[in-house]
C-alpha atoms as a PDB file:
ATOM      1  CA  UNK A   1     -21.423  10.959   1.823  1.00  0.00           C
ATOM      2  CA  UNK A   2     -20.887   7.540   3.352  1.00  0.00           C
ATOM      3  CA  UNK A   3     -20.426   4.634   0.972  1.00  0.00           C
ATOM      4  CA  UNK A   4     -21.448   2.216   3.786  1.00  0.00           C
ATOM      5  CA  UNK A   5     -19.203  -0.482   2.311  1.00  0.00           C
ATOM      6  CA  UNK A   6     -15.469  -0.868   1.823  1.00  0.00           C
ATOM      7  CA  UNK A   7     -14.440  -0.681  -1.835  1.00  0.00           C
ATOM      8  CA  UNK A   8     -10.978  -1.511  -3.174  1.00  0.00           C
ATOM      9  CA  UNK A   9      -9.772  -0.612  -6.666  1.00  0.00           C
ATOM     10  CA  UNK A  10      -6.467  -1.928  -7.980  1.00  0.00           C
ATOM     11  CA  UNK A  11      -4.510   0.007 -10.581  1.00  0.00           C
ATOM     12  CA  UNK A  12      -1.885  -2.710 -10.947  1.00  0.00           C
ATOM     13  CA  UNK A  13       1.362  -3.314  -9.076  1.00  0.00           C
ATOM     14  CA  UNK A  14       0.930  -1.779  -5.578  1.00  0.00           C
ATOM     15  CA  UNK A  15      -1.385   1.143  -6.326  1.00  0.00           C
ATOM     16  CA  UNK A  16      -4.823   0.997  -4.715  1.00  0.00           C
ATOM     17  CA  UNK A  17      -7.710   3.369  -4.182  1.00  0.00           C
ATOM     18  CA  UNK A  18      -9.687   2.391  -1.096  1.00  0.00           C
ATOM     19  CA  UNK A  19     -13.117   3.898  -0.452  1.00  0.00           C
ATOM     20  CA  UNK A  20     -13.743   3.553   3.261  1.00  0.00           C
ATOM     21  CA  UNK A  21     -17.206   2.898   4.723  1.00  0.00           C
ATOM     22  CA  UNK A  22     -17.240   6.550   5.810  1.00  0.00           C
ATOM     23  CA  UNK A  23     -16.543   7.793   2.289  1.00  0.00           C
ATOM     24  CA  UNK A  24     -12.841   8.658   2.611  1.00  0.00           C
ATOM     25  CA  UNK A  25     -10.861   7.976  -0.569  1.00  0.00           C
ATOM     26  CA  UNK A  26      -7.406   6.644   0.354  1.00  0.00           C
ATOM     27  CA  UNK A  27      -4.729   6.264  -2.323  1.00  0.00           C
ATOM     28  CA  UNK A  28      -1.785   3.939  -1.671  1.00  0.00           C
ATOM     29  CA  UNK A  29       1.540   4.311  -3.526  1.00  0.00           C
ATOM     30  CA  UNK A  30       0.448   6.275  -6.639  1.00  0.00           C
ATOM     31  CA  UNK A  31       2.034   4.968  -9.851  1.00  0.00           C
ATOM     32  CA  UNK A  32      -0.020   5.340 -13.016  1.00  0.00           C
ATOM     33  CA  UNK A  33       1.799   6.916 -15.965  1.00  0.00           C
ATOM     34  CA  UNK A  34       4.628   4.395 -16.419  1.00  0.00           C
ATOM     35  CA  UNK A  35       2.832   1.487 -14.754  1.00  0.00           C
ATOM     36  CA  UNK A  36       2.506  -1.140 -17.515  1.00  0.00           C
ATOM     37  CA  UNK A  37      -0.260  -2.908 -15.600  1.00  0.00           C
ATOM     38  CA  UNK A  38      -2.427   0.198 -15.226  1.00  0.00           C
ATOM     39  CA  UNK A  39      -5.240   0.329 -17.828  1.00  0.00           C
ATOM     40  CA  UNK A  40      -4.817   3.155 -20.374  1.00  0.00           C
ATOM     41  CA  UNK A  41      -8.018   4.872 -19.277  1.00  0.00           C
ATOM     42  CA  UNK A  42      -6.833   5.114 -15.664  1.00  0.00           C
ATOM     43  CA  UNK A  43      -3.470   6.803 -16.116  1.00  0.00           C
ATOM     44  CA  UNK A  44      -4.548  10.046 -14.451  1.00  0.00           C
ATOM     45  CA  UNK A  45      -4.514  10.165 -10.632  1.00  0.00           C
ATOM     46  CA  UNK A  46      -8.060   9.994  -9.236  1.00  0.00           C
ATOM     47  CA  UNK A  47      -9.664  12.459  -6.833  1.00  0.00           C
ATOM     48  CA  UNK A  48      -8.640  11.431  -3.308  1.00  0.00           C
ATOM     49  CA  UNK A  49      -8.849  12.562   0.307  1.00  0.00           C
ATOM     50  CA  UNK A  50      -5.655  10.959   1.662  1.00  0.00           C
ATOM     51  CA  UNK A  51      -2.437   9.563   0.177  1.00  0.00           C
ATOM     52  CA  UNK A  52      -0.308   6.989   2.002  1.00  0.00           C
ATOM     53  CA  UNK A  53       3.208   6.282   0.720  1.00  0.00           C
ATOM     54  CA  UNK A  54       5.202   3.244   1.806  1.00  0.00           C
ATOM     55  CA  UNK A  55       8.627   4.092   0.347  1.00  0.00           C
ATOM     56  CA  UNK A  56      10.473   6.091  -2.274  1.00  0.00           C
ATOM     57  CA  UNK A  57      10.956   3.737  -5.214  1.00  0.00           C
ATOM     58  CA  UNK A  58       9.745   4.982  -8.602  1.00  0.00           C
ATOM     59  CA  UNK A  59       7.219   2.163  -8.944  1.00  0.00           C
ATOM     60  CA  UNK A  60       5.489   3.473  -5.809  1.00  0.00           C
ATOM     61  CA  UNK A  61       5.827   7.269  -6.065  1.00  0.00           C
ATOM     62  CA  UNK A  62       6.085   7.820  -9.817  1.00  0.00           C
ATOM     63  CA  UNK A  63       2.913   9.932  -9.790  1.00  0.00           C
ATOM     64  CA  UNK A  64       2.995  11.071  -6.179  1.00  0.00           C
ATOM     65  CA  UNK A  65       3.781  14.724  -6.866  1.00  0.00           C
ATOM     66  CA  UNK A  66       0.981  15.285  -9.421  1.00  0.00           C
ATOM     67  CA  UNK A  67      -1.469  13.245  -7.337  1.00  0.00           C
ATOM     68  CA  UNK A  68      -0.705  15.340  -4.257  1.00  0.00           C
ATOM     69  CA  UNK A  69      -0.657  18.637  -6.142  1.00  0.00           C
ATOM     70  CA  UNK A  70      -3.873  18.068  -8.091  1.00  0.00           C
ATOM     71  CA  UNK A  71      -5.896  16.644  -5.209  1.00  0.00           C
ATOM     72  CA  UNK A  72      -4.554  18.819  -2.405  1.00  0.00           C
ATOM     73  CA  UNK A  73      -4.974  15.739  -0.209  1.00  0.00           C
ATOM     74  CA  UNK A  74      -2.736  15.225   2.820  1.00  0.00           C
ATOM     75  CA  UNK A  75       0.218  12.929   2.163  1.00  0.00           C
ATOM     76  CA  UNK A  76       1.465  10.595   4.878  1.00  0.00           C
ATOM     77  CA  UNK A  77       4.977   9.219   4.576  1.00  0.00           C
ATOM     78  CA  UNK A  78       8.331   8.915   6.279  1.00  0.00           C
ATOM     79  CA  UNK A  79      10.248  12.025   7.367  1.00  0.00           C
ATOM     80  CA  UNK A  80      12.789  12.016   4.532  1.00  0.00           C
ATOM     81  CA  UNK A  81      10.203  11.376   1.842  1.00  0.00           C
ATOM     82  CA  UNK A  82       7.988  14.173   3.146  1.00  0.00           C
ATOM     83  CA  UNK A  83      10.972  16.526   3.238  1.00  0.00           C
ATOM     84  CA  UNK A  84      11.597  15.729  -0.440  1.00  0.00           C
ATOM     85  CA  UNK A  85       7.932  16.415  -1.208  1.00  0.00           C
ATOM     86  CA  UNK A  86       8.163  19.780   0.522  1.00  0.00           C
ATOM     87  CA  UNK A  87      11.068  20.696  -1.736  1.00  0.00           C
ATOM     88  CA  UNK A  88       8.792  19.842  -4.674  1.00  0.00           C
ATOM     89  CA  UNK A  89       6.250  22.382  -3.468  1.00  0.00           C
ATOM     90  CA  UNK A  90       3.877  19.957  -1.750  1.00  0.00           C
ATOM     91  CA  UNK A  91       2.881  21.585   1.535  1.00  0.00           C
ATOM     92  CA  UNK A  92       0.168  19.279   2.865  1.00  0.00           C
ATOM     93  CA  UNK A  93       2.486  16.577   4.209  1.00  0.00           C
ATOM     94  CA  UNK A  94       2.103  14.656   7.461  1.00  0.00           C
ATOM     95  CA  UNK A  95       5.478  13.082   8.179  1.00  0.00           C
ATOM     96  CA  UNK A  96       5.774  10.253  10.673  1.00  0.00           C
ATOM     97  CA  UNK A  97       7.968   7.307  11.525  1.00  0.00           C
ATOM     98  CA  UNK A  98       7.632   3.670  12.494  1.00  0.00           C
ATOM     99  CA  UNK A  99       5.627   2.992  15.625  1.00  0.00           C
ATOM    100  CA  UNK A 100       3.893   6.366  15.479  1.00  0.00           C
ATOM    101  CA  UNK A 101       0.206   7.016  14.875  1.00  0.00           C
ATOM    102  CA  UNK A 102      -1.790  10.015  13.771  1.00  0.00           C
ATOM    103  CA  UNK A 103      -5.335  10.830  12.706  1.00  0.00           C
ATOM    104  CA  UNK A 104      -5.553  12.175   9.160  1.00  0.00           C
ATOM    105  CA  UNK A 105      -8.726  12.685   7.111  1.00  0.00           C
ATOM    106  CA  UNK A 106     -10.608  11.165  10.024  1.00  0.00           C
ATOM    107  CA  UNK A 107      -8.695   7.874   9.938  1.00  0.00           C
ATOM    108  CA  UNK A 108      -6.249   6.531  12.496  1.00  0.00           C
ATOM    109  CA  UNK A 109      -2.997   5.680  10.688  1.00  0.00           C
ATOM    110  CA  UNK A 110      -0.079   3.797  12.251  1.00  0.00           C
ATOM    111  CA  UNK A 111       3.261   3.314  10.516  1.00  0.00           C
ATOM    112  CA  UNK A 112       4.790  -0.150  10.827  1.00  0.00           C
ATOM    113  CA  UNK A 113       8.094  -1.696   9.901  1.00  0.00           C
ATOM    114  CA  UNK A 114       8.912  -3.088   6.449  1.00  0.00           C
ATOM    115  CA  UNK A 115      12.139  -4.683   5.226  1.00  0.00           C
ATOM    116  CA  UNK A 116      13.193  -3.331   1.845  1.00  0.00           C
ATOM    117  CA  UNK A 117      15.098  -0.301   0.489  1.00  0.00           C
ATOM    118  CA  UNK A 118      14.060   3.205  -0.568  1.00  0.00           C
ATOM    119  CA  UNK A 119      15.650   5.591  -3.038  1.00  0.00           C
ATOM    120  CA  UNK A 120      14.557   7.727  -5.972  1.00  0.00           C
ATOM    121  CA  UNK A 121      16.538   8.975  -8.969  1.00  0.00           C
ATOM    122  CA  UNK A 122      15.904  12.717  -9.182  1.00  0.00           C
ATOM    123  CA  UNK A 123      17.716  14.828 -11.797  1.00  0.00           C
ATOM    124  CA  UNK A 124      20.174  12.009 -12.373  1.00  0.00           C
ATOM    125  CA  UNK A 125      21.039  11.530  -8.702  1.00  0.00           C
ATOM    126  CA  UNK A 126      19.891   8.813  -6.317  1.00  0.00           C
ATOM    127  CA  UNK A 127      18.084  10.449  -3.390  1.00  0.00           C
ATOM    128  CA  UNK A 128      17.765   8.637  -0.067  1.00  0.00           C
ATOM    129  CA  UNK A 129      14.062   8.527   0.793  1.00  0.00           C
ATOM    130  CA  UNK A 130      14.201   7.090   4.303  1.00  0.00           C
ATOM    131  CA  UNK A 131      13.332   3.583   5.411  1.00  0.00           C
ATOM    132  CA  UNK A 132      10.416   1.693   3.859  1.00  0.00           C
ATOM    133  CA  UNK A 133       7.292   1.184   5.922  1.00  0.00           C
ATOM    134  CA  UNK A 134       3.835  -0.333   6.068  1.00  0.00           C
ATOM    135  CA  UNK A 135       0.571   1.042   7.418  1.00  0.00           C
ATOM    136  CA  UNK A 136      -2.223   0.045   9.730  1.00  0.00           C
ATOM    137  CA  UNK A 137      -5.412   1.962   8.929  1.00  0.00           C
ATOM    138  CA  UNK A 138      -8.421   1.880  11.227  1.00  0.00           C
ATOM    139  CA  UNK A 139     -11.723   2.312   9.388  1.00  0.00           C
ATOM    140  CA  UNK A 140     -14.936   3.910  10.574  1.00  0.00           C
ATOM    141  CA  UNK A 141     -16.786   0.586  10.893  1.00  0.00           C
ATOM    142  CA  UNK A 142     -14.133  -1.013  13.078  1.00  0.00           C
ATOM    143  CA  UNK A 143     -12.324  -2.924  10.323  1.00  0.00           C
ATOM    144  CA  UNK A 144      -8.535  -2.626  10.195  1.00  0.00           C
ATOM    145  CA  UNK A 145      -6.370  -2.716   7.062  1.00  0.00           C
ATOM    146  CA  UNK A 146      -2.697  -3.611   6.910  1.00  0.00           C
ATOM    147  CA  UNK A 147      -0.823  -2.363   3.846  1.00  0.00           C
ATOM    148  CA  UNK A 148       2.600  -3.997   4.003  1.00  0.00           C
ATOM    149  CA  UNK A 149       4.342  -2.048   1.251  1.00  0.00           C
ATOM    150  CA  UNK A 150       7.341  -3.799  -0.275  1.00  0.00           C
ATOM    151  CA  UNK A 151       8.824  -6.184   2.245  1.00  0.00           C
ATOM    152  CA  UNK A 152      10.226  -9.575   2.977  1.00  0.00           C
ATOM    153  CA  UNK A 153       8.671 -11.779   5.618  1.00  0.00           C
ATOM    154  CA  UNK A 154       9.762 -10.764   9.119  1.00  0.00           C
ATOM    155  CA  UNK A 155       8.937 -12.191  12.517  1.00  0.00           C
ATOM    156  CA  UNK A 156       7.481  -9.002  13.971  1.00  0.00           C
ATOM    157  CA  UNK A 157       4.461  -9.430  11.706  1.00  0.00           C
ATOM    158  CA  UNK A 158       3.269 -11.558  14.612  1.00  0.00           C
ATOM    159  CA  UNK A 159       3.390  -8.440  16.817  1.00  0.00           C
ATOM    160  CA  UNK A 160       1.538  -6.410  14.174  1.00  0.00           C
ATOM    161  CA  UNK A 161      -1.162  -9.066  14.233  1.00  0.00           C
ATOM    162  CA  UNK A 162      -1.229  -9.211  18.012  1.00  0.00           C
ATOM    163  CA  UNK A 163      -1.382  -5.445  18.549  1.00  0.00           C
ATOM    164  CA  UNK A 164      -3.583  -4.251  15.697  1.00  0.00           C
ATOM    165  CA  UNK A 165      -5.533  -7.384  14.673  1.00  0.00           C
ATOM    166  CA  UNK A 166      -5.885  -6.460  10.999  1.00  0.00           C
ATOM    167  CA  UNK A 167      -8.826  -7.927   9.111  1.00  0.00           C
ATOM    168  CA  UNK A 168      -7.417  -7.487   5.602  1.00  0.00           C
ATOM    169  CA  UNK A 169      -3.747  -7.528   4.567  1.00  0.00           C
ATOM    170  CA  UNK A 170      -2.347  -6.121   1.331  1.00  0.00           C
ATOM    171  CA  UNK A 171       0.776  -8.242   0.780  1.00  0.00           C
ATOM    172  CA  UNK A 172       3.394  -8.349  -1.997  1.00  0.00           C
ATOM    173  CA  UNK A 173       3.784 -11.791  -3.575  1.00  0.00           C
ATOM    174  CA  UNK A 174       5.882 -11.251  -6.716  1.00  0.00           C
ATOM    175  CA  UNK A 175       9.210 -12.634  -5.408  1.00  0.00           C
ATOM    176  CA  UNK A 176      12.641 -11.313  -6.506  1.00  0.00           C
ATOM    177  CA  UNK A 177      12.214  -7.923  -4.759  1.00  0.00           C
ATOM    178  CA  UNK A 178       9.647  -8.870  -2.101  1.00  0.00           C
ATOM    179  CA  UNK A 179       8.022 -11.916  -0.534  1.00  0.00           C
ATOM    180  CA  UNK A 180       6.941 -14.832  -2.672  1.00  0.00           C
ATOM    181  CA  UNK A 181       3.578 -16.610  -2.191  1.00  0.00           C
ATOM    182  CA  UNK A 182       5.018 -19.040   0.379  1.00  0.00           C
ATOM    183  CA  UNK A 183       6.374 -16.196   2.514  1.00  0.00           C
ATOM    184  CA  UNK A 184       3.132 -14.250   2.087  1.00  0.00           C
ATOM    185  CA  UNK A 185       1.210 -17.306   3.274  1.00  0.00           C
ATOM    186  CA  UNK A 186       3.346 -17.377   6.404  1.00  0.00           C
ATOM    187  CA  UNK A 187       2.716 -13.651   6.821  1.00  0.00           C
ATOM    188  CA  UNK A 188      -1.040 -14.326   6.782  1.00  0.00           C
ATOM    189  CA  UNK A 189      -0.507 -16.852   9.572  1.00  0.00           C
ATOM    190  CA  UNK A 190       1.557 -14.432  11.675  1.00  0.00           C
ATOM    191  CA  UNK A 191      -0.899 -11.590  11.124  1.00  0.00           C
ATOM    192  CA  UNK A 192      -3.982 -13.702  11.785  1.00  0.00           C
ATOM    193  CA  UNK A 193      -5.895 -12.176   8.853  1.00  0.00           C
ATOM    194  CA  UNK A 194      -8.874 -13.807   7.193  1.00  0.00           C
ATOM    195  CA  UNK A 195      -8.527 -11.962   3.875  1.00  0.00           C
ATOM    196  CA  UNK A 196      -5.470 -11.048   1.800  1.00  0.00           C
ATOM    197  CA  UNK A 197      -5.101  -8.807  -1.254  1.00  0.00           C
ATOM    198  CA  UNK A 198      -2.026  -9.799  -3.292  1.00  0.00           C
ATOM    199  CA  UNK A 199       0.019  -6.995  -4.858  1.00  0.00           C
ATOM    200  CA  UNK A 200       3.376  -6.316  -6.531  1.00  0.00           C
ATOM    201  CA  UNK A 201       2.910  -9.240  -8.906  1.00  0.00           C
ATOM    202  CA  UNK A 202       2.565  -9.656 -12.670  1.00  0.00           C
ATOM    203  CA  UNK A 203       3.782  -6.176 -13.578  1.00  0.00           C
ATOM    204  CA  UNK A 204       7.090  -7.410 -15.007  1.00  0.00           C
ATOM    205  CA  UNK A 205       8.246 -10.908 -16.046  1.00  0.00           C
ATOM    206  CA  UNK A 206      10.662 -11.126 -13.091  1.00  0.00           C
ATOM    207  CA  UNK A 207       7.722 -10.935 -10.665  1.00  0.00           C
ATOM    208  CA  UNK A 208       6.809 -14.593 -10.900  1.00  0.00           C
ATOM    209  CA  UNK A 209       4.614 -15.083  -7.821  1.00  0.00           C
ATOM    210  CA  UNK A 210       0.913 -15.579  -8.532  1.00  0.00           C
ATOM    211  CA  UNK A 211      -2.340 -15.284  -6.577  1.00  0.00           C
ATOM    212  CA  UNK A 212      -3.091 -18.879  -7.506  1.00  0.00           C
ATOM    213  CA  UNK A 213       0.026 -20.088  -5.719  1.00  0.00           C
ATOM    214  CA  UNK A 214      -0.936 -18.037  -2.665  1.00  0.00           C
ATOM    215  CA  UNK A 215      -4.513 -19.307  -2.763  1.00  0.00           C
ATOM    216  CA  UNK A 216      -3.381 -22.915  -2.741  1.00  0.00           C
ATOM    217  CA  UNK A 217      -1.477 -22.273   0.476  1.00  0.00           C
ATOM    218  CA  UNK A 218      -3.901 -20.123   2.463  1.00  0.00           C
ATOM    219  CA  UNK A 219      -7.444 -21.002   1.451  1.00  0.00           C
ATOM    220  CA  UNK A 220      -7.249 -24.461   3.079  1.00  0.00           C
ATOM    221  CA  UNK A 221      -6.524 -22.525   6.286  1.00  0.00           C
ATOM    222  CA  UNK A 222      -9.582 -20.305   5.917  1.00  0.00           C
ATOM    223  CA  UNK A 223      -7.932 -17.217   4.395  1.00  0.00           C
ATOM    224  CA  UNK A 224      -9.692 -15.693   1.406  1.00  0.00           C
ATOM    225  CA  UNK A 225      -7.560 -14.347  -1.454  1.00  0.00           C
ATOM    226  CA  UNK A 226      -9.088 -11.262  -3.061  1.00  0.00           C
ATOM    227  CA  UNK A 227      -7.578 -11.382  -6.541  1.00  0.00           C
ATOM    228  CA  UNK A 228      -8.234  -8.248  -8.576  1.00  0.00           C
ATOM    229  CA  UNK A 229      -7.498  -7.432 -12.191  1.00  0.00           C
ATOM    230  CA  UNK A 230      -5.984  -4.001 -12.889  1.00  0.00           C
ATOM    231  CA  UNK A 231      -8.784  -1.461 -12.958  1.00  0.00           C
ATOM    232  CA  UNK A 232     -11.189  -3.768 -11.149  1.00  0.00           C
ATOM    233  CA  UNK A 233     -13.088  -2.732  -8.007  1.00  0.00           C
ATOM    234  CA  UNK A 234     -14.246  -5.121  -5.278  1.00  0.00           C
ATOM    235  CA  UNK A 235     -16.501  -4.604  -2.277  1.00  0.00           C
END
């Protein structure tokens, strides 16, 4: 059943459930159980139709295996991460790499660059999970989302904006491990977006960037900041 409108629910940190206008439930970077920002009543992975994973850090894939297993939804991620999932018994994986596109659950998904790292401690050993990435997702009503994952600012965001013309960008703003609000504001300029959803902020004390700081920089330039509280849904 079509929901007719785009709905975005934030679980804290970088975990989002997006209900597309066509009714597809897309989960980004599932981390619930050990996520201190996730409300207690939302610690179980929701029912979803598609899971997109940006990279292999625990604060982005902590609940990936149970979310994939329980939902049976296709998982899109980098080659190495999907190989690891297969070894965990998850069969419905759709591996890809940067620059590639594929249609999954009726949505056109393109993997973009991101500048970060990616590794997961499994049974006491650090496992290389491939390079981090972002995603461009084309929706049924013509809107385009850009989920940046964890990244610093990089100049090729201008090319992402030029080629895919995203309407809404999900950008990290916490600083220390990703962009800060000033860099995220520059990213908005390079991407040409009119709306930004800040993420990867407030979860831990070291993540000092705030939506307010971002708003002060971008709203005078006509960019709306969609600030959500953990557990909150916006249309």
